[in-house]
Amino acid sequence: MVQALPYDDHAAMRVLKDLDASDLVEIGLMRGAQPNHLALFADWRQMQTMAALSYVLALDASAGGIPFGVLVIGQTQPGVAQAAMLARDHTKYRRPLIQTARRIRNEIPVFAKEAGLHRIEARSWVDHPRANKFLRLCGFTKEAALPGFGPDGRATFNQFAWTNTNPKPPEG
């Protein structure tokens, strides 16, 4: 069983110091340069100020409680948020990542309703061997391919979104 623990600097640093190789490539392409774990930690820490949700994902205590991922959702405008997740070795943590995707898919409608969100966006590098499938497992739908990323502009990212399929009409 996967634990979604409240964000903790030390646990997050354990994850960010040991990221999956494809996540590192994706980050470098998104930023235009490869950051070190300290720069990633600074970025992740800054996101905490505007996070609607922020967790460190960890194995349950019986499996050692090892943190393997970080997840944040931050509101970008009324009703809309951006999600980001980074994880350690996706092969080693395959089962916990699948459990995480299922949990997100099951819990996102309740979270979104409580947070007043109608749309949650996420991007992934088109050539990432697992991120695109992970987002689909979470209930996100691919909307578009977005070219022009990376230091030379040759990388493409996929835009995904989870949207409330039954939005409540505004009152008034």
N, C-alpha and C. Protein backbone atom coordinates (compact mmCIF):
# COMPACT_ATOMS: atom_id res chain seq x y z
N MET A 1 0.84 -1.19 0.00
CA MET A 1 0.00 0.00 0.00
C MET A 1 0.88 1.25 0.00
N VAL A 2 0.47 2.25 -0.73
CA VAL A 2 1.20 3.50 -0.84
C VAL A 2 0.66 4.49 0.17
N GLN A 3 1.56 5.23 0.79
CA GLN A 3 1.16 6.30 1.70
C GLN A 3 1.32 7.64 0.97
N ALA A 4 0.34 8.49 1.10
CA ALA A 4 0.43 9.88 0.62
C ALA A 4 0.60 10.72 1.86
N LEU A 5 1.85 11.08 2.15
CA LEU A 5 2.18 11.81 3.38
C LEU A 5 2.26 13.30 3.11
N PRO A 6 1.92 14.12 4.09
CA PRO A 6 2.08 15.57 3.89
C PRO A 6 3.52 15.89 3.50
N TYR A 7 3.67 16.91 2.66
CA TYR A 7 5.00 17.30 2.20
C TYR A 7 5.96 17.47 3.37
N ASP A 8 7.16 16.95 3.20
CA ASP A 8 8.23 17.07 4.19
C ASP A 8 9.52 17.31 3.43
N ASP A 9 10.29 18.34 3.81
CA ASP A 9 11.52 18.69 3.10
C ASP A 9 12.51 17.54 3.01
N HIS A 10 12.74 16.85 4.12
CA HIS A 10 13.75 15.79 4.14
C HIS A 10 13.34 14.60 3.27
N ALA A 11 12.08 14.21 3.34
CA ALA A 11 11.59 13.10 2.52
C ALA A 11 11.62 13.49 1.04
N ALA A 12 11.22 14.73 0.72
CA ALA A 12 11.25 15.19 -0.66
C ALA A 12 12.67 15.19 -1.20
N MET A 13 13.62 15.62 -0.40
CA MET A 13 15.02 15.63 -0.83
C MET A 13 15.52 14.22 -1.14
N ARG A 14 15.08 13.24 -0.37
CA ARG A 14 15.48 11.84 -0.65
C ARG A 14 15.02 11.42 -2.04
N VAL A 15 13.84 11.86 -2.43
CA VAL A 15 13.32 11.53 -3.76
C VAL A 15 14.09 12.31 -4.82
N LEU A 16 14.23 13.61 -4.64
CA LEU A 16 14.83 14.47 -5.65
C LEU A 16 16.31 14.18 -5.89
N LYS A 17 16.99 13.60 -4.91
CA LYS A 17 18.40 13.24 -5.07
C LYS A 17 18.58 11.95 -5.87
N ASP A 18 17.48 11.23 -6.11
CA ASP A 18 17.58 9.89 -6.72
C ASP A 18 16.45 9.67 -7.72
N LEU A 19 16.27 10.59 -8.65
CA LEU A 19 15.15 10.51 -9.59
C LEU A 19 15.39 9.49 -10.71
N ASP A 20 14.28 9.00 -11.23
CA ASP A 20 14.30 8.15 -12.41
C ASP A 20 15.03 8.88 -13.55
N ALA A 21 15.81 8.14 -14.33
CA ALA A 21 16.61 8.75 -15.41
C ALA A 21 15.72 9.48 -16.42
N SER A 22 14.58 8.91 -16.76
CA SER A 22 13.69 9.56 -17.73
C SER A 22 13.06 10.83 -17.16
N ASP A 23 12.77 10.83 -15.85
CA ASP A 23 12.27 12.05 -15.22
C ASP A 23 13.32 13.15 -15.29
N LEU A 24 14.59 12.78 -15.11
CA LEU A 24 15.67 13.77 -15.20
C LEU A 24 15.78 14.36 -16.61
N VAL A 25 15.68 13.50 -17.62
CA VAL A 25 15.72 14.00 -19.00
C VAL A 25 14.54 14.95 -19.24
N GLU A 26 13.35 14.54 -18.80
CA GLU A 26 12.15 15.36 -18.98
C GLU A 26 12.32 16.73 -18.31
N ILE A 27 12.85 16.75 -17.10
CA ILE A 27 13.07 18.01 -16.40
C ILE A 27 14.03 18.90 -17.18
N GLY A 28 15.11 18.32 -17.66
CA GLY A 28 16.09 19.08 -18.43
C GLY A 28 15.48 19.68 -19.69
N LEU A 29 14.64 18.92 -20.36
CA LEU A 29 13.99 19.42 -21.58
C LEU A 29 12.98 20.51 -21.25
N MET A 30 12.27 20.35 -20.16
CA MET A 30 11.27 21.36 -19.75
C MET A 30 11.96 22.68 -19.39
N ARG A 31 13.08 22.57 -18.68
CA ARG A 31 13.77 23.77 -18.20
C ARG A 31 14.76 24.32 -19.22
N GLY A 32 15.16 23.51 -20.18
CA GLY A 32 16.16 23.94 -21.15
C GLY A 32 17.58 23.69 -20.69
N ALA A 33 17.76 23.14 -19.51
CA ALA A 33 19.08 22.80 -18.96
C ALA A 33 18.85 21.78 -17.84
N GLN A 34 19.85 20.95 -17.62
CA GLN A 34 19.73 19.92 -16.59
C GLN A 34 20.03 20.49 -15.21
N PRO A 35 19.04 20.50 -14.31
CA PRO A 35 19.28 21.02 -12.96
C PRO A 35 19.86 19.94 -12.04
N ASN A 36 20.49 20.38 -10.97
CA ASN A 36 20.91 19.41 -9.96
C ASN A 36 19.80 19.27 -8.92
N HIS A 37 19.97 18.35 -8.00
CA HIS A 37 18.91 18.08 -7.01
C HIS A 37 18.64 19.29 -6.11
N LEU A 38 19.64 20.13 -5.89
CA LEU A 38 19.42 21.31 -5.04
C LEU A 38 18.50 22.33 -5.74
N ALA A 39 18.70 22.52 -7.04
CA ALA A 39 17.83 23.42 -7.79
C ALA A 39 16.41 22.86 -7.85
N LEU A 40 16.28 21.56 -8.04
CA LEU A 40 14.96 20.93 -8.05
C LEU A 40 14.28 21.09 -6.69
N PHE A 41 15.05 20.87 -5.63
CA PHE A 41 14.49 21.02 -4.29
C PHE A 41 14.01 22.46 -4.07
N ALA A 42 14.80 23.44 -4.51
CA ALA A 42 14.41 24.84 -4.34
C ALA A 42 13.11 25.12 -5.09
N ASP A 43 12.98 24.60 -6.31
CA ASP A 43 11.76 24.78 -7.08
C ASP A 43 10.58 24.11 -6.38
N TRP A 44 10.79 22.87 -5.94
CA TRP A 44 9.70 22.11 -5.31
C TRP A 44 9.28 22.78 -4.01
N ARG A 45 10.25 23.28 -3.27
CA ARG A 45 9.97 23.96 -2.00
C ARG A 45 9.16 25.22 -2.25
N GLN A 46 9.50 25.95 -3.28
CA GLN A 46 8.78 27.19 -3.62
C GLN A 46 7.33 26.88 -4.00
N MET A 47 7.09 25.76 -4.66
CA MET A 47 5.73 25.39 -5.06
C MET A 47 4.82 25.17 -3.85
N GLN A 48 5.40 24.91 -2.69
CA GLN A 48 4.60 24.63 -1.50
C GLN A 48 3.76 25.83 -1.09
N THR A 49 4.20 27.02 -1.43
CA THR A 49 3.47 28.23 -1.03
C THR A 49 2.12 28.37 -1.74
N MET A 50 1.99 27.74 -2.91
CA MET A 50 0.74 27.86 -3.66
C MET A 50 0.08 26.51 -3.92
N ALA A 51 0.52 25.49 -3.22
CA ALA A 51 -0.01 24.15 -3.46
C ALA A 51 -1.40 23.97 -2.86
N ALA A 52 -2.30 23.45 -3.67
CA ALA A 52 -3.61 23.04 -3.17
C ALA A 52 -3.50 21.66 -2.55
N LEU A 53 -2.49 20.92 -2.99
CA LEU A 53 -2.22 19.57 -2.49
C LEU A 53 -0.73 19.32 -2.70
N SER A 54 -0.07 18.74 -1.72
CA SER A 54 1.34 18.38 -1.88
C SER A 54 1.65 17.19 -0.99
N TYR A 55 2.15 16.13 -1.61
CA TYR A 55 2.45 14.91 -0.88
C TYR A 55 3.84 14.40 -1.20
N VAL A 56 4.38 13.66 -0.25
CA VAL A 56 5.50 12.77 -0.51
C VAL A 56 4.88 11.39 -0.53
N LEU A 57 5.11 10.66 -1.59
CA LEU A 57 4.58 9.30 -1.73
C LEU A 57 5.61 8.33 -1.18
N ALA A 58 5.16 7.41 -0.34
CA ALA A 58 6.09 6.48 0.30
C ALA A 58 5.48 5.10 0.38
N LEU A 59 6.36 4.11 0.44
CA LEU A 59 5.90 2.75 0.70
C LEU A 59 5.33 2.72 2.10
N ASP A 60 4.44 1.79 2.37
CA ASP A 60 3.89 1.72 3.73
C ASP A 60 4.98 1.24 4.70
N ALA A 61 4.70 1.39 5.97
CA ALA A 61 5.69 1.09 7.01
C ALA A 61 6.19 -0.34 6.92
N SER A 62 5.32 -1.29 6.57
CA SER A 62 5.74 -2.69 6.48
C SER A 62 6.76 -2.92 5.37
N ALA A 63 6.81 -2.00 4.39
CA ALA A 63 7.78 -2.09 3.29
C ALA A 63 8.92 -1.09 3.48
N GLY A 64 9.06 -0.57 4.69
CA GLY A 64 10.17 0.32 5.00
C GLY A 64 9.86 1.80 4.97
N GLY A 65 8.67 2.19 4.52
CA GLY A 65 8.30 3.60 4.50
C GLY A 65 9.15 4.47 3.60
N ILE A 66 9.80 3.88 2.62
CA ILE A 66 10.73 4.60 1.75
C ILE A 66 9.98 5.58 0.85
N PRO A 67 10.37 6.87 0.86
CA PRO A 67 9.74 7.82 -0.06
C PRO A 67 10.20 7.54 -1.50
N PHE A 68 9.25 7.49 -2.42
CA PHE A 68 9.60 7.20 -3.82
C PHE A 68 9.09 8.26 -4.79
N GLY A 69 8.26 9.20 -4.34
CA GLY A 69 7.74 10.20 -5.26
C GLY A 69 7.28 11.45 -4.55
N VAL A 70 7.17 12.52 -5.31
CA VAL A 70 6.61 13.77 -4.82
C VAL A 70 5.52 14.20 -5.80
N LEU A 71 4.45 14.74 -5.26
CA LEU A 71 3.29 15.14 -6.05
C LEU A 71 2.80 16.48 -5.55
N VAL A 72 2.54 17.39 -6.48
CA VAL A 72 2.00 18.70 -6.11
C VAL A 72 0.95 19.11 -7.14
N ILE A 73 -0.09 19.76 -6.64
CA ILE A 73 -1.10 20.37 -7.51
C ILE A 73 -1.26 21.80 -7.03
N GLY A 74 -1.04 22.73 -7.94
CA GLY A 74 -1.16 24.14 -7.61
C GLY A 74 -2.14 24.84 -8.52
N GLN A 75 -3.02 25.64 -7.93
CA GLN A 75 -4.01 26.37 -8.71
C GLN A 75 -3.31 27.47 -9.50
N THR A 76 -3.62 27.56 -10.79
CA THR A 76 -3.01 28.56 -11.66
C THR A 76 -3.97 29.70 -11.99
N GLN A 77 -5.26 29.44 -11.91
CA GLN A 77 -6.30 30.45 -12.11
C GLN A 77 -7.58 29.86 -11.53
N PRO A 78 -8.63 30.64 -11.40
CA PRO A 78 -9.85 30.09 -10.79
C PRO A 78 -10.33 28.83 -11.51
N GLY A 79 -10.47 27.76 -10.76
CA GLY A 79 -10.97 26.50 -11.29
C GLY A 79 -9.98 25.65 -12.05
N VAL A 80 -8.75 26.14 -12.22
CA VAL A 80 -7.74 25.43 -13.01
C VAL A 80 -6.47 25.26 -12.20
N ALA A 81 -5.86 24.07 -12.31
CA ALA A 81 -4.63 23.79 -11.59
C ALA A 81 -3.65 23.05 -12.48
N GLN A 82 -2.40 23.04 -12.05
CA GLN A 82 -1.32 22.33 -12.73
C GLN A 82 -0.81 21.26 -11.77
N ALA A 83 -0.61 20.05 -12.28
CA ALA A 83 -0.09 18.95 -11.46
C ALA A 83 1.31 18.59 -11.92
N ALA A 84 2.14 18.19 -10.96
CA ALA A 84 3.48 17.70 -11.28
C ALA A 84 3.82 16.56 -10.33
N MET A 85 4.52 15.58 -10.88
CA MET A 85 4.97 14.45 -10.07
C MET A 85 6.32 14.01 -10.57
N LEU A 86 7.20 13.72 -9.64
CA LEU A 86 8.51 13.16 -9.94
C LEU A 86 8.69 11.93 -9.07
N ALA A 87 9.42 10.95 -9.59
CA ALA A 87 9.58 9.71 -8.83
C ALA A 87 10.98 9.13 -9.01
N ARG A 88 11.29 8.27 -8.10
CA ARG A 88 12.52 7.49 -8.19
C ARG A 88 12.34 6.43 -9.27
N ASP A 89 13.30 5.55 -9.42
CA ASP A 89 13.33 4.52 -10.45
C ASP A 89 11.95 3.91 -10.72
N HIS A 90 11.43 4.15 -11.91
CA HIS A 90 10.08 3.71 -12.26
C HIS A 90 9.97 2.20 -12.39
N THR A 91 11.06 1.53 -12.67
CA THR A 91 11.03 0.07 -12.74
C THR A 91 11.00 -0.52 -11.34
N LYS A 92 11.86 -0.04 -10.49
CA LYS A 92 11.91 -0.53 -9.11
C LYS A 92 10.60 -0.24 -8.36
N TYR A 93 10.01 0.91 -8.60
CA TYR A 93 8.79 1.33 -7.90
C TYR A 93 7.55 1.19 -8.79
N ARG A 94 7.59 0.26 -9.71
CA ARG A 94 6.49 0.07 -10.67
C ARG A 94 5.15 -0.16 -9.96
N ARG A 95 5.10 -1.10 -9.05
CA ARG A 95 3.83 -1.40 -8.37
C ARG A 95 3.31 -0.22 -7.56
N PRO A 96 4.15 0.42 -6.76
CA PRO A 96 3.65 1.60 -6.04
C PRO A 96 3.18 2.73 -6.97
N LEU A 97 3.83 2.88 -8.12
CA LEU A 97 3.39 3.91 -9.07
C LEU A 97 2.03 3.55 -9.68
N ILE A 98 1.81 2.27 -9.96
CA ILE A 98 0.50 1.84 -10.46
C ILE A 98 -0.56 2.07 -9.38
N GLN A 99 -0.24 1.73 -8.14
CA GLN A 99 -1.18 1.98 -7.03
C GLN A 99 -1.47 3.47 -6.89
N THR A 100 -0.45 4.28 -7.05
CA THR A 100 -0.62 5.73 -6.98
C THR A 100 -1.55 6.22 -8.07
N ALA A 101 -1.34 5.74 -9.31
CA ALA A 101 -2.20 6.15 -10.43
C ALA A 101 -3.65 5.79 -10.17
N ARG A 102 -3.89 4.60 -9.67
CA ARG A 102 -5.27 4.18 -9.38
C ARG A 102 -5.88 5.04 -8.28
N ARG A 103 -5.07 5.34 -7.27
CA ARG A 103 -5.58 6.17 -6.17
C ARG A 103 -5.92 7.58 -6.67
N ILE A 104 -5.05 8.14 -7.50
CA ILE A 104 -5.31 9.47 -8.07
C ILE A 104 -6.61 9.43 -8.87
N ARG A 105 -6.75 8.43 -9.74
CA ARG A 105 -7.95 8.31 -10.57
C ARG A 105 -9.22 8.25 -9.71
N ASN A 106 -9.15 7.52 -8.60
CA ASN A 106 -10.31 7.36 -7.74
C ASN A 106 -10.59 8.59 -6.87
N GLU A 107 -9.54 9.29 -6.46
CA GLU A 107 -9.71 10.39 -5.50
C GLU A 107 -9.76 11.77 -6.14
N ILE A 108 -9.35 11.91 -7.38
CA ILE A 108 -9.27 13.24 -7.99
C ILE A 108 -10.64 13.93 -8.11
N PRO A 109 -11.73 13.22 -8.39
CA PRO A 109 -13.02 13.93 -8.47
C PRO A 109 -13.42 14.58 -7.14
N VAL A 110 -13.19 13.89 -6.04
CA VAL A 110 -13.54 14.44 -4.72
C VAL A 110 -12.62 15.61 -4.39
N PHE A 111 -11.30 15.43 -4.59
CA PHE A 111 -10.35 16.50 -4.31
C PHE A 111 -10.70 17.74 -5.14
N ALA A 112 -10.93 17.54 -6.45
CA ALA A 112 -11.21 18.68 -7.33
C ALA A 112 -12.47 19.42 -6.90
N LYS A 113 -13.50 18.67 -6.55
CA LYS A 113 -14.74 19.31 -6.11
C LYS A 113 -14.50 20.14 -4.85
N GLU A 114 -13.80 19.55 -3.87
CA GLU A 114 -13.52 20.26 -2.61
C GLU A 114 -12.65 21.48 -2.83
N ALA A 115 -11.72 21.40 -3.80
CA ALA A 115 -10.81 22.51 -4.07
C ALA A 115 -11.39 23.52 -5.07
N GLY A 116 -12.58 23.25 -5.60
CA GLY A 116 -13.19 24.15 -6.57
C GLY A 116 -12.51 24.12 -7.93
N LEU A 117 -11.94 22.96 -8.28
CA LEU A 117 -11.23 22.83 -9.55
C LEU A 117 -12.09 22.09 -10.57
N HIS A 118 -12.04 22.58 -11.80
CA HIS A 118 -12.77 21.94 -12.90
C HIS A 118 -11.80 21.34 -13.90
N ARG A 119 -10.54 21.74 -13.79
CA ARG A 119 -9.53 21.29 -14.76
C ARG A 119 -8.18 21.20 -14.05
N ILE A 120 -7.51 20.08 -14.24
CA ILE A 120 -6.15 19.90 -13.72
C ILE A 120 -5.28 19.46 -14.90
N GLU A 121 -4.25 20.25 -15.17
CA GLU A 121 -3.38 20.00 -16.32
C GLU A 121 -2.07 19.36 -15.88
N ALA A 122 -1.48 18.62 -16.82
CA ALA A 122 -0.15 18.03 -16.61
C ALA A 122 0.50 17.86 -17.97
N ARG A 123 1.80 17.96 -17.99
CA ARG A 123 2.56 17.76 -19.23
C ARG A 123 3.57 16.65 -19.02
N SER A 124 3.87 15.96 -20.12
CA SER A 124 4.93 14.96 -20.07
C SER A 124 5.67 14.93 -21.40
N TRP A 125 6.93 14.65 -21.31
CA TRP A 125 7.78 14.51 -22.49
C TRP A 125 7.23 13.37 -23.35
N VAL A 126 7.03 13.62 -24.63
CA VAL A 126 6.41 12.64 -25.52
C VAL A 126 7.19 11.32 -25.55
N ASP A 127 8.51 11.35 -25.39
CA ASP A 127 9.32 10.13 -25.44
C ASP A 127 9.59 9.50 -24.07
N HIS A 128 8.96 10.03 -23.04
CA HIS A 128 9.13 9.41 -21.71
C HIS A 128 8.52 8.01 -21.77
N PRO A 129 9.27 6.99 -21.38
CA PRO A 129 8.76 5.62 -21.54
C PRO A 129 7.57 5.26 -20.65
N ARG A 130 7.28 6.04 -19.61
CA ARG A 130 6.19 5.67 -18.70
C ARG A 130 5.24 6.81 -18.33
N ALA A 131 5.65 8.04 -18.39
CA ALA A 131 4.84 9.16 -17.88
C ALA A 131 3.51 9.32 -18.61
N ASN A 132 3.50 9.16 -19.92
CA ASN A 132 2.26 9.33 -20.67
C ASN A 132 1.23 8.28 -20.26
N LYS A 133 1.67 7.04 -20.12
CA LYS A 133 0.77 5.96 -19.68
C LYS A 133 0.31 6.22 -18.25
N PHE A 134 1.22 6.68 -17.39
CA PHE A 134 0.87 6.98 -16.01
C PHE A 134 -0.26 8.00 -15.95
N LEU A 135 -0.14 9.08 -16.73
CA LEU A 135 -1.17 10.12 -16.72
C LEU A 135 -2.52 9.57 -17.20
N ARG A 136 -2.50 8.71 -18.19
CA ARG A 136 -3.75 8.09 -18.65
C ARG A 136 -4.35 7.22 -17.54
N LEU A 137 -3.49 6.46 -16.85
CA LEU A 137 -3.97 5.62 -15.73
C LEU A 137 -4.58 6.47 -14.62
N CYS A 138 -4.10 7.69 -14.47
CA CYS A 138 -4.63 8.61 -13.46
C CYS A 138 -5.98 9.21 -13.87
N GLY A 139 -6.39 9.01 -15.10
CA GLY A 139 -7.66 9.56 -15.57
C GLY A 139 -7.51 10.82 -16.40
N PHE A 140 -6.28 11.18 -16.76
CA PHE A 140 -6.05 12.36 -17.59
C PHE A 140 -6.21 11.97 -19.06
N THR A 141 -6.61 12.93 -19.87
CA THR A 141 -6.79 12.73 -21.31
C THR A 141 -5.77 13.57 -22.06
N LYS A 142 -5.14 12.97 -23.05
CA LYS A 142 -4.21 13.73 -23.89
C LYS A 142 -5.00 14.72 -24.74
N GLU A 143 -4.55 15.97 -24.70
CA GLU A 143 -5.22 17.02 -25.47
C GLU A 143 -4.43 17.46 -26.70
N ALA A 144 -3.11 17.51 -26.57
CA ALA A 144 -2.32 18.02 -27.68
C ALA A 144 -0.85 17.68 -27.51
N ALA A 145 -0.13 17.69 -28.62
CA ALA A 145 1.32 17.61 -28.61
C ALA A 145 1.84 19.04 -28.73
N LEU A 146 2.78 19.39 -27.87
CA LEU A 146 3.32 20.75 -27.82
C LEU A 146 4.80 20.74 -28.20
N PRO A 147 5.15 21.09 -29.42
CA PRO A 147 6.55 21.12 -29.82
C PRO A 147 7.25 22.38 -29.32
N GLY A 148 8.58 22.39 -29.44
CA GLY A 148 9.36 23.59 -29.16
C GLY A 148 10.05 23.62 -27.81
N PHE A 149 10.14 22.50 -27.11
CA PHE A 149 10.81 22.47 -25.81
C PHE A 149 12.27 22.05 -25.96
N GLY A 150 13.00 22.22 -24.87
CA GLY A 150 14.40 21.82 -24.83
C GLY A 150 15.30 22.94 -25.27
N PRO A 151 16.59 22.79 -25.01
CA PRO A 151 17.53 23.87 -25.34
C PRO A 151 17.60 24.17 -26.83
N ASP A 152 17.30 23.17 -27.68
CA ASP A 152 17.33 23.39 -29.13
C ASP A 152 15.92 23.45 -29.73
N GLY A 153 14.89 23.36 -28.90
CA GLY A 153 13.51 23.44 -29.37
C GLY A 153 13.01 22.20 -30.08
N ARG A 154 13.74 21.10 -30.00
CA ARG A 154 13.35 19.89 -30.74
C ARG A 154 12.49 18.92 -29.94
N ALA A 155 12.32 19.15 -28.66
CA ALA A 155 11.54 18.23 -27.83
C ALA A 155 10.05 18.58 -27.90
N THR A 156 9.24 17.56 -27.80
CA THR A 156 7.79 17.73 -27.78
C THR A 156 7.25 17.18 -26.48
N PHE A 157 6.30 17.89 -25.93
CA PHE A 157 5.61 17.45 -24.72
C PHE A 157 4.15 17.22 -25.05
N ASN A 158 3.53 16.32 -24.32
CA ASN A 158 2.09 16.10 -24.43
C ASN A 158 1.40 16.89 -23.34
N GLN A 159 0.31 17.54 -23.72
CA GLN A 159 -0.55 18.24 -22.77
C GLN A 159 -1.68 17.30 -22.41
N PHE A 160 -1.83 17.01 -21.12
CA PHE A 160 -2.92 16.18 -20.60
C PHE A 160 -3.77 17.04 -19.67
N ALA A 161 -5.01 16.62 -19.49
CA ALA A 161 -5.87 17.30 -18.52
C ALA A 161 -6.90 16.33 -17.98
N TRP A 162 -7.21 16.52 -16.73
CA TRP A 162 -8.38 15.91 -16.11
C TRP A 162 -9.41 17.03 -16.03
N THR A 163 -10.60 16.75 -16.49
CA THR A 163 -11.65 17.77 -16.41
C THR A 163 -12.87 17.16 -15.75
N ASN A 164 -13.58 18.01 -15.03
CA ASN A 164 -14.82 17.61 -14.39
C ASN A 164 -15.84 17.42 -15.50
N THR A 165 -16.30 16.19 -15.67
CA THR A 165 -17.24 15.91 -16.75
C THR A 165 -18.67 16.33 -16.41
N ASN A 166 -18.93 16.67 -15.16
CA ASN A 166 -20.25 17.12 -14.74
C ASN A 166 -20.16 18.43 -13.96
N PRO A 167 -19.68 19.49 -14.61
CA PRO A 167 -19.55 20.74 -13.85
C PRO A 167 -20.90 21.28 -13.41
N LYS A 168 -20.90 21.81 -12.21
CA LYS A 168 -22.11 22.42 -11.67
C LYS A 168 -22.24 23.82 -12.28
N PRO A 169 -23.41 24.15 -12.82
CA PRO A 169 -23.57 25.49 -13.40
C PRO A 169 -23.44 26.57 -12.32
N PRO A 170 -22.90 27.72 -12.69
CA PRO A 170 -22.77 28.81 -11.71
C PRO A 170 -24.14 29.20 -11.15
N GLU A 171 -24.15 29.51 -9.86
CA GLU A 171 -25.40 29.93 -9.23
C GLU A 171 -25.63 31.42 -9.51
N GLY A 172 -26.87 31.81 -9.56
CA GLY A 172 -27.15 33.23 -9.68
C GLY A 172 -28.08 33.56 -10.70
